[in-house]
Amino acid sequence: QVQLVESGGGLVQPGGSLRLSCAASGSIFSISTMGWYRQAPGKERELVAVITSGGNPNYADSVKGRFAISRDNAKNTMYLQMNSLKPDDTAVYYCNLNRPAYNAWGQGTQVTVSS
């Protein structure tokens, strides 16, 4: 069973930056597609970015050019570098691991963008 632990959230001013990390246990991290999702109050959870096991990224239109997803398979860790943050980016950010017939979520980390 895989456990995912997010870290790096916090309060930041508009225009600022944060770097989220997702540490995974187990041996299937390197062969899994990983993703970041977020859920704002009163809204459904939405995809932010995904990265394949081979390192190919994909982004939601709302974060293209501002966010960068990456992974370090040797450390079983995924990252999300968030720049030029906006108040609309405020949400709980969740890490996801996706394999055929298996899906795991982290507990989430709060990101608040406010002056």
N, C-alpha and C. Protein backbone atom coordinates (compact mmCIF):
# COMPACT_ATOMS: atom_id res chain seq x y z
N GLN A 1 0.84 -1.19 0.00
CA GLN A 1 0.00 0.00 0.00
C GLN A 1 0.89 1.25 0.00
N VAL A 2 0.54 2.21 -0.84
CA VAL A 2 1.33 3.41 -0.97
C VAL A 2 0.80 4.49 -0.03
N GLN A 3 1.70 5.20 0.61
CA GLN A 3 1.32 6.38 1.39
C GLN A 3 1.95 7.60 0.74
N LEU A 4 1.17 8.66 0.64
CA LEU A 4 1.61 9.91 0.05
C LEU A 4 1.51 11.02 1.09
N VAL A 5 2.57 11.79 1.25
CA VAL A 5 2.59 12.87 2.24
C VAL A 5 3.01 14.16 1.56
N GLU A 6 2.10 15.13 1.55
CA GLU A 6 2.38 16.44 0.97
C GLU A 6 2.96 17.37 2.02
N SER A 7 3.75 18.32 1.54
CA SER A 7 4.29 19.37 2.41
C SER A 7 4.59 20.60 1.56
N GLY A 8 4.79 21.72 2.25
CA GLY A 8 5.19 22.93 1.55
C GLY A 8 4.12 23.99 1.39
N GLY A 9 2.91 23.68 1.81
CA GLY A 9 1.85 24.68 1.71
C GLY A 9 2.04 25.80 2.71
N GLY A 10 1.20 26.83 2.57
CA GLY A 10 1.28 27.96 3.51
C GLY A 10 0.56 29.17 2.97
N LEU A 11 0.83 30.29 3.62
CA LEU A 11 0.25 31.57 3.25
C LEU A 11 1.28 32.37 2.46
N VAL A 12 0.86 32.88 1.32
CA VAL A 12 1.76 33.66 0.47
C VAL A 12 1.00 34.82 -0.13
N GLN A 13 1.70 35.90 -0.39
CA GLN A 13 1.06 37.07 -1.01
C GLN A 13 0.89 36.85 -2.51
N PRO A 14 -0.08 37.52 -3.11
CA PRO A 14 -0.21 37.44 -4.58
C PRO A 14 1.09 37.80 -5.26
N GLY A 15 1.42 37.01 -6.30
CA GLY A 15 2.69 37.20 -6.99
C GLY A 15 3.84 36.40 -6.42
N GLY A 16 3.61 35.79 -5.27
CA GLY A 16 4.65 35.02 -4.61
C GLY A 16 4.78 33.60 -5.15
N SER A 17 5.67 32.84 -4.51
CA SER A 17 5.96 31.48 -4.95
C SER A 17 5.91 30.51 -3.77
N LEU A 18 5.58 29.27 -4.09
CA LEU A 18 5.66 28.17 -3.14
C LEU A 18 6.10 26.92 -3.88
N ARG A 19 6.71 26.00 -3.15
CA ARG A 19 7.09 24.72 -3.73
C ARG A 19 6.49 23.61 -2.88
N LEU A 20 5.61 22.83 -3.48
CA LEU A 20 5.01 21.70 -2.79
C LEU A 20 5.81 20.44 -3.07
N SER A 21 5.84 19.55 -2.09
CA SER A 21 6.49 18.26 -2.24
C SER A 21 5.51 17.15 -1.90
N CYS A 22 5.67 16.01 -2.54
CA CYS A 22 4.87 14.83 -2.24
C CYS A 22 5.83 13.65 -2.13
N ALA A 23 5.95 13.13 -0.92
CA ALA A 23 6.83 11.99 -0.68
C ALA A 23 6.00 10.71 -0.67
N ALA A 24 6.45 9.71 -1.41
CA ALA A 24 5.71 8.46 -1.54
C ALA A 24 6.48 7.30 -0.93
N SER A 25 5.75 6.42 -0.26
CA SER A 25 6.33 5.18 0.22
C SER A 25 6.10 4.10 -0.82
N GLY A 26 6.77 2.96 -0.65
CA GLY A 26 6.53 1.86 -1.56
C GLY A 26 7.42 1.89 -2.79
N SER A 27 7.24 0.89 -3.64
CA SER A 27 8.17 0.69 -4.75
C SER A 27 7.57 1.00 -6.12
N ILE A 28 6.34 1.50 -6.17
CA ILE A 28 5.71 1.70 -7.47
C ILE A 28 5.73 3.15 -7.92
N PHE A 29 6.36 4.03 -7.14
CA PHE A 29 6.37 5.45 -7.49
C PHE A 29 6.93 5.65 -8.89
N SER A 30 8.08 5.05 -9.17
CA SER A 30 8.79 5.33 -10.42
C SER A 30 8.04 4.87 -11.65
N ILE A 31 7.10 3.94 -11.50
CA ILE A 31 6.36 3.44 -12.66
C ILE A 31 4.94 3.98 -12.72
N SER A 32 4.68 4.98 -11.89
CA SER A 32 3.32 5.53 -11.79
C SER A 32 3.22 6.93 -12.35
N THR A 33 2.06 7.22 -12.93
CA THR A 33 1.73 8.60 -13.24
C THR A 33 1.36 9.30 -11.94
N MET A 34 1.92 10.47 -11.75
CA MET A 34 1.68 11.26 -10.54
C MET A 34 1.00 12.57 -10.91
N GLY A 35 0.20 13.07 -9.98
CA GLY A 35 -0.50 14.31 -10.27
C GLY A 35 -0.74 15.16 -9.05
N TRP A 36 -0.97 16.43 -9.30
CA TRP A 36 -1.42 17.38 -8.28
C TRP A 36 -2.84 17.81 -8.63
N TYR A 37 -3.69 17.78 -7.65
CA TYR A 37 -5.06 18.24 -7.76
C TYR A 37 -5.29 19.28 -6.66
N ARG A 38 -6.35 20.07 -6.82
CA ARG A 38 -6.68 21.04 -5.79
C ARG A 38 -8.19 21.16 -5.64
N GLN A 39 -8.60 21.56 -4.44
CA GLN A 39 -10.02 21.75 -4.16
C GLN A 39 -10.18 23.01 -3.34
N ALA A 40 -10.88 23.96 -3.92
CA ALA A 40 -11.19 25.21 -3.23
C ALA A 40 -12.52 25.07 -2.50
N PRO A 41 -12.77 25.88 -1.49
CA PRO A 41 -14.03 25.79 -0.75
C PRO A 41 -15.24 25.93 -1.67
N GLY A 42 -16.17 24.99 -1.57
CA GLY A 42 -17.39 25.04 -2.36
C GLY A 42 -17.23 24.61 -3.80
N LYS A 43 -16.04 24.13 -4.16
CA LYS A 43 -15.80 23.71 -5.54
C LYS A 43 -15.37 22.25 -5.58
N GLU A 44 -15.46 21.66 -6.75
CA GLU A 44 -15.03 20.28 -6.94
C GLU A 44 -13.50 20.21 -7.07
N ARG A 45 -12.98 19.05 -6.76
CA ARG A 45 -11.54 18.84 -6.92
C ARG A 45 -11.21 18.89 -8.41
N GLU A 46 -10.10 19.57 -8.74
CA GLU A 46 -9.72 19.72 -10.14
C GLU A 46 -8.26 19.38 -10.34
N LEU A 47 -7.97 18.93 -11.55
CA LEU A 47 -6.59 18.60 -11.90
C LEU A 47 -5.77 19.88 -12.06
N VAL A 48 -4.57 19.87 -11.51
CA VAL A 48 -3.63 20.99 -11.68
C VAL A 48 -2.56 20.61 -12.69
N ALA A 49 -1.92 19.46 -12.45
CA ALA A 49 -0.84 19.02 -13.33
C ALA A 49 -0.60 17.54 -13.11
N VAL A 50 -0.14 16.86 -14.16
CA VAL A 50 0.25 15.46 -14.05
C VAL A 50 1.61 15.27 -14.69
N ILE A 51 2.29 14.21 -14.28
CA ILE A 51 3.57 13.88 -14.88
C ILE A 51 3.65 12.36 -15.01
N THR A 52 4.01 11.90 -16.19
CA THR A 52 4.07 10.46 -16.42
C THR A 52 5.32 9.87 -15.78
N SER A 53 5.38 8.56 -15.78
CA SER A 53 6.56 7.90 -15.22
C SER A 53 7.82 8.29 -15.98
N GLY A 54 7.66 8.64 -17.25
CA GLY A 54 8.79 9.05 -18.07
C GLY A 54 9.13 10.52 -17.96
N GLY A 55 8.34 11.25 -17.17
CA GLY A 55 8.66 12.66 -16.93
C GLY A 55 7.95 13.65 -17.84
N ASN A 56 6.95 13.20 -18.59
CA ASN A 56 6.22 14.13 -19.46
C ASN A 56 5.11 14.83 -18.67
N PRO A 57 5.12 16.17 -18.65
CA PRO A 57 4.13 16.91 -17.86
C PRO A 57 2.93 17.36 -18.70
N ASN A 58 1.84 17.62 -18.00
CA ASN A 58 0.65 18.22 -18.59
C ASN A 58 0.03 19.11 -17.55
N TYR A 59 -0.53 20.26 -17.98
CA TYR A 59 -1.03 21.26 -17.05
C TYR A 59 -2.44 21.70 -17.38
N ALA A 60 -3.16 22.08 -16.35
CA ALA A 60 -4.43 22.76 -16.56
C ALA A 60 -4.14 24.13 -17.17
N ASP A 61 -5.04 24.60 -18.01
CA ASP A 61 -4.83 25.89 -18.67
C ASP A 61 -4.63 27.01 -17.66
N SER A 62 -5.27 26.91 -16.52
CA SER A 62 -5.23 27.99 -15.54
C SER A 62 -3.86 28.16 -14.89
N VAL A 63 -2.99 27.16 -15.01
CA VAL A 63 -1.68 27.25 -14.35
C VAL A 63 -0.52 27.20 -15.33
N LYS A 64 -0.81 27.03 -16.61
CA LYS A 64 0.27 26.95 -17.61
C LYS A 64 1.12 28.21 -17.58
N GLY A 65 2.42 28.01 -17.61
CA GLY A 65 3.34 29.13 -17.59
C GLY A 65 3.66 29.65 -16.20
N ARG A 66 2.93 29.18 -15.19
CA ARG A 66 3.17 29.63 -13.81
C ARG A 66 3.63 28.49 -12.91
N PHE A 67 3.11 27.31 -13.14
CA PHE A 67 3.44 26.14 -12.31
C PHE A 67 4.32 25.18 -13.09
N ALA A 68 5.16 24.43 -12.36
CA ALA A 68 6.00 23.41 -12.97
C ALA A 68 5.99 22.16 -12.11
N ILE A 69 5.63 21.05 -12.71
CA ILE A 69 5.62 19.76 -12.00
C ILE A 69 6.90 19.01 -12.35
N SER A 70 7.44 18.32 -11.37
CA SER A 70 8.65 17.54 -11.61
C SER A 70 8.66 16.35 -10.65
N ARG A 71 9.58 15.43 -10.89
CA ARG A 71 9.68 14.26 -10.02
C ARG A 71 11.12 13.80 -9.92
N ASP A 72 11.44 13.21 -8.78
CA ASP A 72 12.77 12.62 -8.56
C ASP A 72 12.52 11.17 -8.16
N ASN A 73 12.65 10.26 -9.11
CA ASN A 73 12.33 8.86 -8.83
C ASN A 73 13.29 8.23 -7.82
N ALA A 74 14.50 8.74 -7.76
CA ALA A 74 15.47 8.21 -6.79
C ALA A 74 15.05 8.54 -5.36
N LYS A 75 14.30 9.63 -5.20
CA LYS A 75 13.85 10.05 -3.87
C LYS A 75 12.38 9.74 -3.64
N ASN A 76 11.72 9.11 -4.62
CA ASN A 76 10.27 8.85 -4.50
C ASN A 76 9.50 10.11 -4.16
N THR A 77 9.84 11.20 -4.82
CA THR A 77 9.25 12.49 -4.48
C THR A 77 8.84 13.23 -5.74
N MET A 78 7.69 13.89 -5.65
CA MET A 78 7.18 14.74 -6.72
C MET A 78 7.09 16.16 -6.18
N TYR A 79 7.24 17.12 -7.09
CA TYR A 79 7.23 18.53 -6.70
C TYR A 79 6.24 19.33 -7.55
N LEU A 80 5.81 20.46 -6.99
CA LEU A 80 5.06 21.43 -7.76
C LEU A 80 5.60 22.81 -7.41
N GLN A 81 6.31 23.41 -8.35
CA GLN A 81 6.79 24.77 -8.18
C GLN A 81 5.71 25.72 -8.66
N MET A 82 5.25 26.57 -7.78
CA MET A 82 4.15 27.49 -8.10
C MET A 82 4.66 28.92 -8.02
N ASN A 83 4.62 29.61 -9.15
CA ASN A 83 5.07 30.99 -9.24
C ASN A 83 3.91 31.91 -9.62
N SER A 84 4.08 33.18 -9.44
CA SER A 84 3.06 34.18 -9.80
C SER A 84 1.69 33.77 -9.25
N LEU A 85 1.66 33.42 -7.99
CA LEU A 85 0.43 32.91 -7.40
C LEU A 85 -0.65 33.99 -7.33
N LYS A 86 -1.89 33.52 -7.51
CA LYS A 86 -3.04 34.41 -7.51
C LYS A 86 -4.01 33.98 -6.39
N PRO A 87 -4.87 34.87 -5.94
CA PRO A 87 -5.87 34.47 -4.93
C PRO A 87 -6.71 33.27 -5.39
N ASP A 88 -6.95 33.15 -6.69
CA ASP A 88 -7.73 32.01 -7.20
C ASP A 88 -7.01 30.68 -7.06
N ASP A 89 -5.72 30.71 -6.75
CA ASP A 89 -4.98 29.47 -6.52
C ASP A 89 -5.18 28.94 -5.11
N THR A 90 -5.86 29.69 -4.28
CA THR A 90 -6.12 29.24 -2.91
C THR A 90 -6.95 27.97 -2.90
N ALA A 91 -6.44 26.93 -2.25
CA ALA A 91 -7.11 25.63 -2.23
C ALA A 91 -6.30 24.67 -1.37
N VAL A 92 -6.89 23.51 -1.12
CA VAL A 92 -6.11 22.39 -0.58
C VAL A 92 -5.56 21.63 -1.78
N TYR A 93 -4.26 21.40 -1.76
CA TYR A 93 -3.59 20.72 -2.86
C TYR A 93 -3.31 19.27 -2.45
N TYR A 94 -3.71 18.35 -3.34
CA TYR A 94 -3.57 16.93 -3.08
C TYR A 94 -2.63 16.26 -4.08
N CYS A 95 -1.87 15.34 -3.58
CA CYS A 95 -0.98 14.52 -4.40
C CYS A 95 -1.73 13.23 -4.76
N ASN A 96 -1.54 12.77 -5.99
CA ASN A 96 -2.21 11.56 -6.46
C ASN A 96 -1.22 10.64 -7.18
N LEU A 97 -1.37 9.36 -6.90
CA LEU A 97 -0.61 8.33 -7.62
C LEU A 97 -1.59 7.46 -8.37
N ASN A 98 -1.36 7.26 -9.64
CA ASN A 98 -2.30 6.54 -10.47
C ASN A 98 -1.62 5.39 -11.21
N ARG A 99 -2.15 4.20 -10.99
CA ARG A 99 -1.74 3.00 -11.70
C ARG A 99 -3.01 2.29 -12.16
N PRO A 100 -2.91 1.41 -13.15
CA PRO A 100 -4.09 0.61 -13.51
C PRO A 100 -4.62 -0.12 -12.29
N ALA A 101 -5.88 0.06 -11.99
CA ALA A 101 -6.57 -0.61 -10.88
C ALA A 101 -6.06 -0.17 -9.51
N TYR A 102 -5.33 0.94 -9.44
CA TYR A 102 -4.89 1.43 -8.14
C TYR A 102 -4.76 2.94 -8.17
N ASN A 103 -5.25 3.57 -7.12
CA ASN A 103 -5.25 5.03 -7.04
C ASN A 103 -5.04 5.42 -5.58
N ALA A 104 -4.12 6.32 -5.32
CA ALA A 104 -3.85 6.73 -3.95
C ALA A 104 -3.81 8.25 -3.85
N TRP A 105 -4.23 8.77 -2.68
CA TRP A 105 -4.26 10.22 -2.43
C TRP A 105 -3.51 10.53 -1.14
N GLY A 106 -2.91 11.71 -1.14
CA GLY A 106 -2.36 12.24 0.10
C GLY A 106 -3.43 12.93 0.91
N GLN A 107 -3.04 13.46 2.06
CA GLN A 107 -4.00 14.09 2.97
C GLN A 107 -4.25 15.57 2.61
N GLY A 108 -3.41 16.13 1.76
CA GLY A 108 -3.61 17.50 1.31
C GLY A 108 -2.79 18.51 2.10
N THR A 109 -2.46 19.60 1.44
CA THR A 109 -1.76 20.71 2.08
C THR A 109 -2.42 22.01 1.63
N GLN A 110 -2.65 22.89 2.59
CA GLN A 110 -3.38 24.13 2.31
C GLN A 110 -2.45 25.18 1.71
N VAL A 111 -2.90 25.78 0.63
CA VAL A 111 -2.22 26.93 0.02
C VAL A 111 -3.19 28.10 0.04
N THR A 112 -2.78 29.19 0.66
CA THR A 112 -3.60 30.38 0.75
C THR A 112 -2.84 31.55 0.15
N VAL A 113 -3.43 32.18 -0.84
CA VAL A 113 -2.81 33.34 -1.50
C VAL A 113 -3.64 34.57 -1.14
N SER A 114 -3.05 35.42 -0.34
CA SER A 114 -3.78 36.58 0.17
C SER A 114 -2.82 37.65 0.63
N SER A 115 -3.25 38.90 0.47
CA SER A 115 -2.45 40.02 0.96
C SER A 115 -2.89 40.39 2.37
